[in-house]
Amino acid sequence: PEDTALYYCGARTTYYTGYYYYLED
């Protein structure tokens, strides 16, 4: 039940295809 939420997909332009990002900004 705590997973209940509006889920958003985000994209970040990157030249480093091995990186991930976890900050909203």
PDBML (XML) file of the C-alpha atoms, coordinates in Angstrom:
<?xml version="1.0" encoding="UTF-8" ?>
<PDBx:datablock datablockName="MODEL"
   xmlns:PDBx="http://pdbml.pdb.org/schema/pdbx-v50.xsd"
   xmlns:xsi="http://www.w3.org/2001/XMLSchema-instance"
   xsi:schemaLocation="http://pdbml.pdb.org/schema/pdbx-v50.xsd pdbx-v50.xsd">
   <PDBx:atom_siteCategory>
      <PDBx:atom_site id="1">
         <PDBx:B_iso_or_equiv>0.00</PDBx:B_iso_or_equiv>
         <PDBx:Cartn_x>0.000</PDBx:Cartn_x>
         <PDBx:Cartn_y>0.000</PDBx:Cartn_y>
         <PDBx:Cartn_z>0.000</PDBx:Cartn_z>
         <PDBx:auth_asym_id>A</PDBx:auth_asym_id>
         <PDBx:auth_atom_id>CA</PDBx:auth_atom_id>
         <PDBx:auth_comp_id>PRO</PDBx:auth_comp_id>
         <PDBx:auth_seq_id>1</PDBx:auth_seq_id>
         <PDBx:group_PDB>ATOM</PDBx:group_PDB>
         <PDBx:label_alt_id xsi:nil="true" />
         <PDBx:label_asym_id>A</PDBx:label_asym_id>
         <PDBx:label_atom_id>CA</PDBx:label_atom_id>
         <PDBx:label_comp_id>PRO</PDBx:label_comp_id>
         <PDBx:label_entity_id>1</PDBx:label_entity_id>
         <PDBx:label_seq_id>1</PDBx:label_seq_id>
         <PDBx:occupancy>1.00</PDBx:occupancy>
         <PDBx:pdbx_PDB_model_num>1</PDBx:pdbx_PDB_model_num>
         <PDBx:type_symbol>C</PDBx:type_symbol>
      </PDBx:atom_site>
      <PDBx:atom_site id="2">
         <PDBx:B_iso_or_equiv>0.00</PDBx:B_iso_or_equiv>
         <PDBx:Cartn_x>2.866</PDBx:Cartn_x>
         <PDBx:Cartn_y>2.427</PDBx:Cartn_y>
         <PDBx:Cartn_z>0.643</PDBx:Cartn_z>
         <PDBx:auth_asym_id>A</PDBx:auth_asym_id>
         <PDBx:auth_atom_id>CA</PDBx:auth_atom_id>
         <PDBx:auth_comp_id>GLU</PDBx:auth_comp_id>
         <PDBx:auth_seq_id>2</PDBx:auth_seq_id>
         <PDBx:group_PDB>ATOM</PDBx:group_PDB>
         <PDBx:label_alt_id xsi:nil="true" />
         <PDBx:label_asym_id>A</PDBx:label_asym_id>
         <PDBx:label_atom_id>CA</PDBx:label_atom_id>
         <PDBx:label_comp_id>GLU</PDBx:label_comp_id>
         <PDBx:label_entity_id>1</PDBx:label_entity_id>
         <PDBx:label_seq_id>2</PDBx:label_seq_id>
         <PDBx:occupancy>1.00</PDBx:occupancy>
         <PDBx:pdbx_PDB_model_num>1</PDBx:pdbx_PDB_model_num>
         <PDBx:type_symbol>C</PDBx:type_symbol>
      </PDBx:atom_site>
      <PDBx:atom_site id="3">
         <PDBx:B_iso_or_equiv>0.00</PDBx:B_iso_or_equiv>
         <PDBx:Cartn_x>3.807</PDBx:Cartn_x>
         <PDBx:Cartn_y>2.148</PDBx:Cartn_y>
         <PDBx:Cartn_z>-3.034</PDBx:Cartn_z>
         <PDBx:auth_asym_id>A</PDBx:auth_asym_id>
         <PDBx:auth_atom_id>CA</PDBx:auth_atom_id>
         <PDBx:auth_comp_id>ASP</PDBx:auth_comp_id>
         <PDBx:auth_seq_id>3</PDBx:auth_seq_id>
         <PDBx:group_PDB>ATOM</PDBx:group_PDB>
         <PDBx:label_alt_id xsi:nil="true" />
         <PDBx:label_asym_id>A</PDBx:label_asym_id>
         <PDBx:label_atom_id>CA</PDBx:label_atom_id>
         <PDBx:label_comp_id>ASP</PDBx:label_comp_id>
         <PDBx:label_entity_id>1</PDBx:label_entity_id>
         <PDBx:label_seq_id>3</PDBx:label_seq_id>
         <PDBx:occupancy>1.00</PDBx:occupancy>
         <PDBx:pdbx_PDB_model_num>1</PDBx:pdbx_PDB_model_num>
         <PDBx:type_symbol>C</PDBx:type_symbol>
      </PDBx:atom_site>
      <PDBx:atom_site id="4">
         <PDBx:B_iso_or_equiv>0.00</PDBx:B_iso_or_equiv>
         <PDBx:Cartn_x>0.615</PDBx:Cartn_x>
         <PDBx:Cartn_y>4.059</PDBx:Cartn_y>
         <PDBx:Cartn_z>-3.872</PDBx:Cartn_z>
         <PDBx:auth_asym_id>A</PDBx:auth_asym_id>
         <PDBx:auth_atom_id>CA</PDBx:auth_atom_id>
         <PDBx:auth_comp_id>THR</PDBx:auth_comp_id>
         <PDBx:auth_seq_id>4</PDBx:auth_seq_id>
         <PDBx:group_PDB>ATOM</PDBx:group_PDB>
         <PDBx:label_alt_id xsi:nil="true" />
         <PDBx:label_asym_id>A</PDBx:label_asym_id>
         <PDBx:label_atom_id>CA</PDBx:label_atom_id>
         <PDBx:label_comp_id>THR</PDBx:label_comp_id>
         <PDBx:label_entity_id>1</PDBx:label_entity_id>
         <PDBx:label_seq_id>4</PDBx:label_seq_id>
         <PDBx:occupancy>1.00</PDBx:occupancy>
         <PDBx:pdbx_PDB_model_num>1</PDBx:pdbx_PDB_model_num>
         <PDBx:type_symbol>C</PDBx:type_symbol>
      </PDBx:atom_site>
      <PDBx:atom_site id="5">
         <PDBx:B_iso_or_equiv>0.00</PDBx:B_iso_or_equiv>
         <PDBx:Cartn_x>1.628</PDBx:Cartn_x>
         <PDBx:Cartn_y>7.230</PDBx:Cartn_y>
         <PDBx:Cartn_z>-5.711</PDBx:Cartn_z>
         <PDBx:auth_asym_id>A</PDBx:auth_asym_id>
         <PDBx:auth_atom_id>CA</PDBx:auth_atom_id>
         <PDBx:auth_comp_id>ALA</PDBx:auth_comp_id>
         <PDBx:auth_seq_id>5</PDBx:auth_seq_id>
         <PDBx:group_PDB>ATOM</PDBx:group_PDB>
         <PDBx:label_alt_id xsi:nil="true" />
         <PDBx:label_asym_id>A</PDBx:label_asym_id>
         <PDBx:label_atom_id>CA</PDBx:label_atom_id>
         <PDBx:label_comp_id>ALA</PDBx:label_comp_id>
         <PDBx:label_entity_id>1</PDBx:label_entity_id>
         <PDBx:label_seq_id>5</PDBx:label_seq_id>
         <PDBx:occupancy>1.00</PDBx:occupancy>
         <PDBx:pdbx_PDB_model_num>1</PDBx:pdbx_PDB_model_num>
         <PDBx:type_symbol>C</PDBx:type_symbol>
      </PDBx:atom_site>
      <PDBx:atom_site id="6">
         <PDBx:B_iso_or_equiv>0.00</PDBx:B_iso_or_equiv>
         <PDBx:Cartn_x>1.732</PDBx:Cartn_x>
         <PDBx:Cartn_y>9.065</PDBx:Cartn_y>
         <PDBx:Cartn_z>-8.996</PDBx:Cartn_z>
         <PDBx:auth_asym_id>A</PDBx:auth_asym_id>
         <PDBx:auth_atom_id>CA</PDBx:auth_atom_id>
         <PDBx:auth_comp_id>LEU</PDBx:auth_comp_id>
         <PDBx:auth_seq_id>6</PDBx:auth_seq_id>
         <PDBx:group_PDB>ATOM</PDBx:group_PDB>
         <PDBx:label_alt_id xsi:nil="true" />
         <PDBx:label_asym_id>A</PDBx:label_asym_id>
         <PDBx:label_atom_id>CA</PDBx:label_atom_id>
         <PDBx:label_comp_id>LEU</PDBx:label_comp_id>
         <PDBx:label_entity_id>1</PDBx:label_entity_id>
         <PDBx:label_seq_id>6</PDBx:label_seq_id>
         <PDBx:occupancy>1.00</PDBx:occupancy>
         <PDBx:pdbx_PDB_model_num>1</PDBx:pdbx_PDB_model_num>
         <PDBx:type_symbol>C</PDBx:type_symbol>
      </PDBx:atom_site>
      <PDBx:atom_site id="7">
         <PDBx:B_iso_or_equiv>0.00</PDBx:B_iso_or_equiv>
         <PDBx:Cartn_x>4.741</PDBx:Cartn_x>
         <PDBx:Cartn_y>7.667</PDBx:Cartn_y>
         <PDBx:Cartn_z>-10.830</PDBx:Cartn_z>
         <PDBx:auth_asym_id>A</PDBx:auth_asym_id>
         <PDBx:auth_atom_id>CA</PDBx:auth_atom_id>
         <PDBx:auth_comp_id>TYR</PDBx:auth_comp_id>
         <PDBx:auth_seq_id>7</PDBx:auth_seq_id>
         <PDBx:group_PDB>ATOM</PDBx:group_PDB>
         <PDBx:label_alt_id xsi:nil="true" />
         <PDBx:label_asym_id>A</PDBx:label_asym_id>
         <PDBx:label_atom_id>CA</PDBx:label_atom_id>
         <PDBx:label_comp_id>TYR</PDBx:label_comp_id>
         <PDBx:label_entity_id>1</PDBx:label_entity_id>
         <PDBx:label_seq_id>7</PDBx:label_seq_id>
         <PDBx:occupancy>1.00</PDBx:occupancy>
         <PDBx:pdbx_PDB_model_num>1</PDBx:pdbx_PDB_model_num>
         <PDBx:type_symbol>C</PDBx:type_symbol>
      </PDBx:atom_site>
      <PDBx:atom_site id="8">
         <PDBx:B_iso_or_equiv>0.00</PDBx:B_iso_or_equiv>
         <PDBx:Cartn_x>6.779</PDBx:Cartn_x>
         <PDBx:Cartn_y>9.921</PDBx:Cartn_y>
         <PDBx:Cartn_z>-13.108</PDBx:Cartn_z>
         <PDBx:auth_asym_id>A</PDBx:auth_asym_id>
         <PDBx:auth_atom_id>CA</PDBx:auth_atom_id>
         <PDBx:auth_comp_id>TYR</PDBx:auth_comp_id>
         <PDBx:auth_seq_id>8</PDBx:auth_seq_id>
         <PDBx:group_PDB>ATOM</PDBx:group_PDB>
         <PDBx:label_alt_id xsi:nil="true" />
         <PDBx:label_asym_id>A</PDBx:label_asym_id>
         <PDBx:label_atom_id>CA</PDBx:label_atom_id>
         <PDBx:label_comp_id>TYR</PDBx:label_comp_id>
         <PDBx:label_entity_id>1</PDBx:label_entity_id>
         <PDBx:label_seq_id>8</PDBx:label_seq_id>
         <PDBx:occupancy>1.00</PDBx:occupancy>
         <PDBx:pdbx_PDB_model_num>1</PDBx:pdbx_PDB_model_num>
         <PDBx:type_symbol>C</PDBx:type_symbol>
      </PDBx:atom_site>
      <PDBx:atom_site id="9">
         <PDBx:B_iso_or_equiv>0.00</PDBx:B_iso_or_equiv>
         <PDBx:Cartn_x>9.299</PDBx:Cartn_x>
         <PDBx:Cartn_y>9.012</PDBx:Cartn_y>
         <PDBx:Cartn_z>-15.761</PDBx:Cartn_z>
         <PDBx:auth_asym_id>A</PDBx:auth_asym_id>
         <PDBx:auth_atom_id>CA</PDBx:auth_atom_id>
         <PDBx:auth_comp_id>CYS</PDBx:auth_comp_id>
         <PDBx:auth_seq_id>9</PDBx:auth_seq_id>
         <PDBx:group_PDB>ATOM</PDBx:group_PDB>
         <PDBx:label_alt_id xsi:nil="true" />
         <PDBx:label_asym_id>A</PDBx:label_asym_id>
         <PDBx:label_atom_id>CA</PDBx:label_atom_id>
         <PDBx:label_comp_id>CYS</PDBx:label_comp_id>
         <PDBx:label_entity_id>1</PDBx:label_entity_id>
         <PDBx:label_seq_id>9</PDBx:label_seq_id>
         <PDBx:occupancy>1.00</PDBx:occupancy>
         <PDBx:pdbx_PDB_model_num>1</PDBx:pdbx_PDB_model_num>
         <PDBx:type_symbol>C</PDBx:type_symbol>
      </PDBx:atom_site>
      <PDBx:atom_site id="10">
         <PDBx:B_iso_or_equiv>0.00</PDBx:B_iso_or_equiv>
         <PDBx:Cartn_x>12.252</PDBx:Cartn_x>
         <PDBx:Cartn_y>11.364</PDBx:Cartn_y>
         <PDBx:Cartn_z>-16.120</PDBx:Cartn_z>
         <PDBx:auth_asym_id>A</PDBx:auth_asym_id>
         <PDBx:auth_atom_id>CA</PDBx:auth_atom_id>
         <PDBx:auth_comp_id>GLY</PDBx:auth_comp_id>
         <PDBx:auth_seq_id>10</PDBx:auth_seq_id>
         <PDBx:group_PDB>ATOM</PDBx:group_PDB>
         <PDBx:label_alt_id xsi:nil="true" />
         <PDBx:label_asym_id>A</PDBx:label_asym_id>
         <PDBx:label_atom_id>CA</PDBx:label_atom_id>
         <PDBx:label_comp_id>GLY</PDBx:label_comp_id>
         <PDBx:label_entity_id>1</PDBx:label_entity_id>
         <PDBx:label_seq_id>10</PDBx:label_seq_id>
         <PDBx:occupancy>1.00</PDBx:occupancy>
         <PDBx:pdbx_PDB_model_num>1</PDBx:pdbx_PDB_model_num>
         <PDBx:type_symbol>C</PDBx:type_symbol>
      </PDBx:atom_site>
      <PDBx:atom_site id="11">
         <PDBx:B_iso_or_equiv>0.00</PDBx:B_iso_or_equiv>
         <PDBx:Cartn_x>15.025</PDBx:Cartn_x>
         <PDBx:Cartn_y>11.767</PDBx:Cartn_y>
         <PDBx:Cartn_z>-18.677</PDBx:Cartn_z>
         <PDBx:auth_asym_id>A</PDBx:auth_asym_id>
         <PDBx:auth_atom_id>CA</PDBx:auth_atom_id>
         <PDBx:auth_comp_id>ALA</PDBx:auth_comp_id>
         <PDBx:auth_seq_id>11</PDBx:auth_seq_id>
         <PDBx:group_PDB>ATOM</PDBx:group_PDB>
         <PDBx:label_alt_id xsi:nil="true" />
         <PDBx:label_asym_id>A</PDBx:label_asym_id>
         <PDBx:label_atom_id>CA</PDBx:label_atom_id>
         <PDBx:label_comp_id>ALA</PDBx:label_comp_id>
         <PDBx:label_entity_id>1</PDBx:label_entity_id>
         <PDBx:label_seq_id>11</PDBx:label_seq_id>
         <PDBx:occupancy>1.00</PDBx:occupancy>
         <PDBx:pdbx_PDB_model_num>1</PDBx:pdbx_PDB_model_num>
         <PDBx:type_symbol>C</PDBx:type_symbol>
      </PDBx:atom_site>
      <PDBx:atom_site id="12">
         <PDBx:B_iso_or_equiv>0.00</PDBx:B_iso_or_equiv>
         <PDBx:Cartn_x>18.373</PDBx:Cartn_x>
         <PDBx:Cartn_y>13.451</PDBx:Cartn_y>
         <PDBx:Cartn_z>-18.428</PDBx:Cartn_z>
         <PDBx:auth_asym_id>A</PDBx:auth_asym_id>
         <PDBx:auth_atom_id>CA</PDBx:auth_atom_id>
         <PDBx:auth_comp_id>ARG</PDBx:auth_comp_id>
         <PDBx:auth_seq_id>12</PDBx:auth_seq_id>
         <PDBx:group_PDB>ATOM</PDBx:group_PDB>
         <PDBx:label_alt_id xsi:nil="true" />
         <PDBx:label_asym_id>A</PDBx:label_asym_id>
         <PDBx:label_atom_id>CA</PDBx:label_atom_id>
         <PDBx:label_comp_id>ARG</PDBx:label_comp_id>
         <PDBx:label_entity_id>1</PDBx:label_entity_id>
         <PDBx:label_seq_id>12</PDBx:label_seq_id>
         <PDBx:occupancy>1.00</PDBx:occupancy>
         <PDBx:pdbx_PDB_model_num>1</PDBx:pdbx_PDB_model_num>
         <PDBx:type_symbol>C</PDBx:type_symbol>
      </PDBx:atom_site>
      <PDBx:atom_site id="13">
         <PDBx:B_iso_or_equiv>0.00</PDBx:B_iso_or_equiv>
         <PDBx:Cartn_x>20.601</PDBx:Cartn_x>
         <PDBx:Cartn_y>14.306</PDBx:Cartn_y>
         <PDBx:Cartn_z>-21.367</PDBx:Cartn_z>
         <PDBx:auth_asym_id>A</PDBx:auth_asym_id>
         <PDBx:auth_atom_id>CA</PDBx:auth_atom_id>
         <PDBx:auth_comp_id>THR</PDBx:auth_comp_id>
         <PDBx:auth_seq_id>13</PDBx:auth_seq_id>
         <PDBx:group_PDB>ATOM</PDBx:group_PDB>
         <PDBx:label_alt_id xsi:nil="true" />
         <PDBx:label_asym_id>A</PDBx:label_asym_id>
         <PDBx:label_atom_id>CA</PDBx:label_atom_id>
         <PDBx:label_comp_id>THR</PDBx:label_comp_id>
         <PDBx:label_entity_id>1</PDBx:label_entity_id>
         <PDBx:label_seq_id>13</PDBx:label_seq_id>
         <PDBx:occupancy>1.00</PDBx:occupancy>
         <PDBx:pdbx_PDB_model_num>1</PDBx:pdbx_PDB_model_num>
         <PDBx:type_symbol>C</PDBx:type_symbol>
      </PDBx:atom_site>
      <PDBx:atom_site id="14">
         <PDBx:B_iso_or_equiv>0.00</PDBx:B_iso_or_equiv>
         <PDBx:Cartn_x>24.009</PDBx:Cartn_x>
         <PDBx:Cartn_y>12.726</PDBx:Cartn_y>
         <PDBx:Cartn_z>-20.886</PDBx:Cartn_z>
         <PDBx:auth_asym_id>A</PDBx:auth_asym_id>
         <PDBx:auth_atom_id>CA</PDBx:auth_atom_id>
         <PDBx:auth_comp_id>THR</PDBx:auth_comp_id>
         <PDBx:auth_seq_id>14</PDBx:auth_seq_id>
         <PDBx:group_PDB>ATOM</PDBx:group_PDB>
         <PDBx:label_alt_id xsi:nil="true" />
         <PDBx:label_asym_id>A</PDBx:label_asym_id>
         <PDBx:label_atom_id>CA</PDBx:label_atom_id>
         <PDBx:label_comp_id>THR</PDBx:label_comp_id>
         <PDBx:label_entity_id>1</PDBx:label_entity_id>
         <PDBx:label_seq_id>14</PDBx:label_seq_id>
         <PDBx:occupancy>1.00</PDBx:occupancy>
         <PDBx:pdbx_PDB_model_num>1</PDBx:pdbx_PDB_model_num>
         <PDBx:type_symbol>C</PDBx:type_symbol>
      </PDBx:atom_site>
      <PDBx:atom_site id="15">
         <PDBx:B_iso_or_equiv>0.00</PDBx:B_iso_or_equiv>
         <PDBx:Cartn_x>27.187</PDBx:Cartn_x>
         <PDBx:Cartn_y>12.100</PDBx:Cartn_y>
         <PDBx:Cartn_z>-22.838</PDBx:Cartn_z>
         <PDBx:auth_asym_id>A</PDBx:auth_asym_id>
         <PDBx:auth_atom_id>CA</PDBx:auth_atom_id>
         <PDBx:auth_comp_id>TYR</PDBx:auth_comp_id>
         <PDBx:auth_seq_id>15</PDBx:auth_seq_id>
         <PDBx:group_PDB>ATOM</PDBx:group_PDB>
         <PDBx:label_alt_id xsi:nil="true" />
         <PDBx:label_asym_id>A</PDBx:label_asym_id>
         <PDBx:label_atom_id>CA</PDBx:label_atom_id>
         <PDBx:label_comp_id>TYR</PDBx:label_comp_id>
         <PDBx:label_entity_id>1</PDBx:label_entity_id>
         <PDBx:label_seq_id>15</PDBx:label_seq_id>
         <PDBx:occupancy>1.00</PDBx:occupancy>
         <PDBx:pdbx_PDB_model_num>1</PDBx:pdbx_PDB_model_num>
         <PDBx:type_symbol>C</PDBx:type_symbol>
      </PDBx:atom_site>
      <PDBx:atom_site id="16">
         <PDBx:B_iso_or_equiv>0.00</PDBx:B_iso_or_equiv>
         <PDBx:Cartn_x>28.211</PDBx:Cartn_x>
         <PDBx:Cartn_y>9.436</PDBx:Cartn_y>
         <PDBx:Cartn_z>-20.347</PDBx:Cartn_z>
         <PDBx:auth_asym_id>A</PDBx:auth_asym_id>
         <PDBx:auth_atom_id>CA</PDBx:auth_atom_id>
         <PDBx:auth_comp_id>TYR</PDBx:auth_comp_id>
         <PDBx:auth_seq_id>16</PDBx:auth_seq_id>
         <PDBx:group_PDB>ATOM</PDBx:group_PDB>
         <PDBx:label_alt_id xsi:nil="true" />
         <PDBx:label_asym_id>A</PDBx:label_asym_id>
         <PDBx:label_atom_id>CA</PDBx:label_atom_id>
         <PDBx:label_comp_id>TYR</PDBx:label_comp_id>
         <PDBx:label_entity_id>1</PDBx:label_entity_id>
         <PDBx:label_seq_id>16</PDBx:label_seq_id>
         <PDBx:occupancy>1.00</PDBx:occupancy>
         <PDBx:pdbx_PDB_model_num>1</PDBx:pdbx_PDB_model_num>
         <PDBx:type_symbol>C</PDBx:type_symbol>
      </PDBx:atom_site>
      <PDBx:atom_site id="17">
         <PDBx:B_iso_or_equiv>0.00</PDBx:B_iso_or_equiv>
         <PDBx:Cartn_x>26.042</PDBx:Cartn_x>
         <PDBx:Cartn_y>6.453</PDBx:Cartn_y>
         <PDBx:Cartn_z>-21.196</PDBx:Cartn_z>
         <PDBx:auth_asym_id>A</PDBx:auth_asym_id>
         <PDBx:auth_atom_id>CA</PDBx:auth_atom_id>
         <PDBx:auth_comp_id>THR</PDBx:auth_comp_id>
         <PDBx:auth_seq_id>17</PDBx:auth_seq_id>
         <PDBx:group_PDB>ATOM</PDBx:group_PDB>
         <PDBx:label_alt_id xsi:nil="true" />
         <PDBx:label_asym_id>A</PDBx:label_asym_id>
         <PDBx:label_atom_id>CA</PDBx:label_atom_id>
         <PDBx:label_comp_id>THR</PDBx:label_comp_id>
         <PDBx:label_entity_id>1</PDBx:label_entity_id>
         <PDBx:label_seq_id>17</PDBx:label_seq_id>
         <PDBx:occupancy>1.00</PDBx:occupancy>
         <PDBx:pdbx_PDB_model_num>1</PDBx:pdbx_PDB_model_num>
         <PDBx:type_symbol>C</PDBx:type_symbol>
      </PDBx:atom_site>
      <PDBx:atom_site id="18">
         <PDBx:B_iso_or_equiv>0.00</PDBx:B_iso_or_equiv>
         <PDBx:Cartn_x>27.308</PDBx:Cartn_x>
         <PDBx:Cartn_y>4.492</PDBx:Cartn_y>
         <PDBx:Cartn_z>-18.205</PDBx:Cartn_z>
         <PDBx:auth_asym_id>A</PDBx:auth_asym_id>
         <PDBx:auth_atom_id>CA</PDBx:auth_atom_id>
         <PDBx:auth_comp_id>GLY</PDBx:auth_comp_id>
         <PDBx:auth_seq_id>18</PDBx:auth_seq_id>
         <PDBx:group_PDB>ATOM</PDBx:group_PDB>
         <PDBx:label_alt_id xsi:nil="true" />
         <PDBx:label_asym_id>A</PDBx:label_asym_id>
         <PDBx:label_atom_id>CA</PDBx:label_atom_id>
         <PDBx:label_comp_id>GLY</PDBx:label_comp_id>
         <PDBx:label_entity_id>1</PDBx:label_entity_id>
         <PDBx:label_seq_id>18</PDBx:label_seq_id>
         <PDBx:occupancy>1.00</PDBx:occupancy>
         <PDBx:pdbx_PDB_model_num>1</PDBx:pdbx_PDB_model_num>
         <PDBx:type_symbol>C</PDBx:type_symbol>
      </PDBx:atom_site>
      <PDBx:atom_site id="19">
         <PDBx:B_iso_or_equiv>0.00</PDBx:B_iso_or_equiv>
         <PDBx:Cartn_x>25.989</PDBx:Cartn_x>
         <PDBx:Cartn_y>6.942</PDBx:Cartn_y>
         <PDBx:Cartn_z>-15.629</PDBx:Cartn_z>
         <PDBx:auth_asym_id>A</PDBx:auth_asym_id>
         <PDBx:auth_atom_id>CA</PDBx:auth_atom_id>
         <PDBx:auth_comp_id>TYR</PDBx:auth_comp_id>
         <PDBx:auth_seq_id>19</PDBx:auth_seq_id>
         <PDBx:group_PDB>ATOM</PDBx:group_PDB>
         <PDBx:label_alt_id xsi:nil="true" />
         <PDBx:label_asym_id>A</PDBx:label_asym_id>
         <PDBx:label_atom_id>CA</PDBx:label_atom_id>
         <PDBx:label_comp_id>TYR</PDBx:label_comp_id>
         <PDBx:label_entity_id>1</PDBx:label_entity_id>
         <PDBx:label_seq_id>19</PDBx:label_seq_id>
         <PDBx:occupancy>1.00</PDBx:occupancy>
         <PDBx:pdbx_PDB_model_num>1</PDBx:pdbx_PDB_model_num>
         <PDBx:type_symbol>C</PDBx:type_symbol>
      </PDBx:atom_site>
      <PDBx:atom_site id="20">
         <PDBx:B_iso_or_equiv>0.00</PDBx:B_iso_or_equiv>
         <PDBx:Cartn_x>22.665</PDBx:Cartn_x>
         <PDBx:Cartn_y>6.990</PDBx:Cartn_y>
         <PDBx:Cartn_z>-13.802</PDBx:Cartn_z>
         <PDBx:auth_asym_id>A</PDBx:auth_asym_id>
         <PDBx:auth_atom_id>CA</PDBx:auth_atom_id>
         <PDBx:auth_comp_id>TYR</PDBx:auth_comp_id>
         <PDBx:auth_seq_id>20</PDBx:auth_seq_id>
         <PDBx:group_PDB>ATOM</PDBx:group_PDB>
         <PDBx:label_alt_id xsi:nil="true" />
         <PDBx:label_asym_id>A</PDBx:label_asym_id>
         <PDBx:label_atom_id>CA</PDBx:label_atom_id>
         <PDBx:label_comp_id>TYR</PDBx:label_comp_id>
         <PDBx:label_entity_id>1</PDBx:label_entity_id>
         <PDBx:label_seq_id>20</PDBx:label_seq_id>
         <PDBx:occupancy>1.00</PDBx:occupancy>
         <PDBx:pdbx_PDB_model_num>1</PDBx:pdbx_PDB_model_num>
         <PDBx:type_symbol>C</PDBx:type_symbol>
      </PDBx:atom_site>
      <PDBx:atom_site id="21">
         <PDBx:B_iso_or_equiv>0.00</PDBx:B_iso_or_equiv>
         <PDBx:Cartn_x>21.196</PDBx:Cartn_x>
         <PDBx:Cartn_y>9.869</PDBx:Cartn_y>
         <PDBx:Cartn_z>-11.803</PDBx:Cartn_z>
         <PDBx:auth_asym_id>A</PDBx:auth_asym_id>
         <PDBx:auth_atom_id>CA</PDBx:auth_atom_id>
         <PDBx:auth_comp_id>TYR</PDBx:auth_comp_id>
         <PDBx:auth_seq_id>21</PDBx:auth_seq_id>
         <PDBx:group_PDB>ATOM</PDBx:group_PDB>
         <PDBx:label_alt_id xsi:nil="true" />
         <PDBx:label_asym_id>A</PDBx:label_asym_id>
         <PDBx:label_atom_id>CA</PDBx:label_atom_id>
         <PDBx:label_comp_id>TYR</PDBx:label_comp_id>
         <PDBx:label_entity_id>1</PDBx:label_entity_id>
         <PDBx:label_seq_id>21</PDBx:label_seq_id>
         <PDBx:occupancy>1.00</PDBx:occupancy>
         <PDBx:pdbx_PDB_model_num>1</PDBx:pdbx_PDB_model_num>
         <PDBx:type_symbol>C</PDBx:type_symbol>
      </PDBx:atom_site>
      <PDBx:atom_site id="22">
         <PDBx:B_iso_or_equiv>0.00</PDBx:B_iso_or_equiv>
         <PDBx:Cartn_x>19.024</PDBx:Cartn_x>
         <PDBx:Cartn_y>9.777</PDBx:Cartn_y>
         <PDBx:Cartn_z>-8.700</PDBx:Cartn_z>
         <PDBx:auth_asym_id>A</PDBx:auth_asym_id>
         <PDBx:auth_atom_id>CA</PDBx:auth_atom_id>
         <PDBx:auth_comp_id>TYR</PDBx:auth_comp_id>
         <PDBx:auth_seq_id>22</PDBx:auth_seq_id>
         <PDBx:group_PDB>ATOM</PDBx:group_PDB>
         <PDBx:label_alt_id xsi:nil="true" />
         <PDBx:label_asym_id>A</PDBx:label_asym_id>
         <PDBx:label_atom_id>CA</PDBx:label_atom_id>
         <PDBx:label_comp_id>TYR</PDBx:label_comp_id>
         <PDBx:label_entity_id>1</PDBx:label_entity_id>
         <PDBx:label_seq_id>22</PDBx:label_seq_id>
         <PDBx:occupancy>1.00</PDBx:occupancy>
         <PDBx:pdbx_PDB_model_num>1</PDBx:pdbx_PDB_model_num>
         <PDBx:type_symbol>C</PDBx:type_symbol>
      </PDBx:atom_site>
      <PDBx:atom_site id="23">
         <PDBx:B_iso_or_equiv>0.00</PDBx:B_iso_or_equiv>
         <PDBx:Cartn_x>18.471</PDBx:Cartn_x>
         <PDBx:Cartn_y>13.416</PDBx:Cartn_y>
         <PDBx:Cartn_z>-7.820</PDBx:Cartn_z>
         <PDBx:auth_asym_id>A</PDBx:auth_asym_id>
         <PDBx:auth_atom_id>CA</PDBx:auth_atom_id>
         <PDBx:auth_comp_id>LEU</PDBx:auth_comp_id>
         <PDBx:auth_seq_id>23</PDBx:auth_seq_id>
         <PDBx:group_PDB>ATOM</PDBx:group_PDB>
         <PDBx:label_alt_id xsi:nil="true" />
         <PDBx:label_asym_id>A</PDBx:label_asym_id>
         <PDBx:label_atom_id>CA</PDBx:label_atom_id>
         <PDBx:label_comp_id>LEU</PDBx:label_comp_id>
         <PDBx:label_entity_id>1</PDBx:label_entity_id>
         <PDBx:label_seq_id>23</PDBx:label_seq_id>
         <PDBx:occupancy>1.00</PDBx:occupancy>
         <PDBx:pdbx_PDB_model_num>1</PDBx:pdbx_PDB_model_num>
         <PDBx:type_symbol>C</PDBx:type_symbol>
      </PDBx:atom_site>
      <PDBx:atom_site id="24">
         <PDBx:B_iso_or_equiv>0.00</PDBx:B_iso_or_equiv>
         <PDBx:Cartn_x>15.289</PDBx:Cartn_x>
         <PDBx:Cartn_y>15.014</PDBx:Cartn_y>
         <PDBx:Cartn_z>-9.104</PDBx:Cartn_z>
         <PDBx:auth_asym_id>A</PDBx:auth_asym_id>
         <PDBx:auth_atom_id>CA</PDBx:auth_atom_id>
         <PDBx:auth_comp_id>GLU</PDBx:auth_comp_id>
         <PDBx:auth_seq_id>24</PDBx:auth_seq_id>
         <PDBx:group_PDB>ATOM</PDBx:group_PDB>
         <PDBx:label_alt_id xsi:nil="true" />
         <PDBx:label_asym_id>A</PDBx:label_asym_id>
         <PDBx:label_atom_id>CA</PDBx:label_atom_id>
         <PDBx:label_comp_id>GLU</PDBx:label_comp_id>
         <PDBx:label_entity_id>1</PDBx:label_entity_id>
         <PDBx:label_seq_id>24</PDBx:label_seq_id>
         <PDBx:occupancy>1.00</PDBx:occupancy>
         <PDBx:pdbx_PDB_model_num>1</PDBx:pdbx_PDB_model_num>
         <PDBx:type_symbol>C</PDBx:type_symbol>
      </PDBx:atom_site>
      <PDBx:atom_site id="25">
         <PDBx:B_iso_or_equiv>0.00</PDBx:B_iso_or_equiv>
         <PDBx:Cartn_x>17.067</PDBx:Cartn_x>
         <PDBx:Cartn_y>18.242</PDBx:Cartn_y>
         <PDBx:Cartn_z>-10.053</PDBx:Cartn_z>
         <PDBx:auth_asym_id>A</PDBx:auth_asym_id>
         <PDBx:auth_atom_id>CA</PDBx:auth_atom_id>
         <PDBx:auth_comp_id>ASP</PDBx:auth_comp_id>
         <PDBx:auth_seq_id>25</PDBx:auth_seq_id>
         <PDBx:group_PDB>ATOM</PDBx:group_PDB>
         <PDBx:label_alt_id xsi:nil="true" />
         <PDBx:label_asym_id>A</PDBx:label_asym_id>
         <PDBx:label_atom_id>CA</PDBx:label_atom_id>
         <PDBx:label_comp_id>ASP</PDBx:label_comp_id>
         <PDBx:label_entity_id>1</PDBx:label_entity_id>
         <PDBx:label_seq_id>25</PDBx:label_seq_id>
         <PDBx:occupancy>1.00</PDBx:occupancy>
         <PDBx:pdbx_PDB_model_num>1</PDBx:pdbx_PDB_model_num>
         <PDBx:type_symbol>C</PDBx:type_symbol>
      </PDBx:atom_site>
   </PDBx:atom_siteCategory>
</PDBx:datablock>
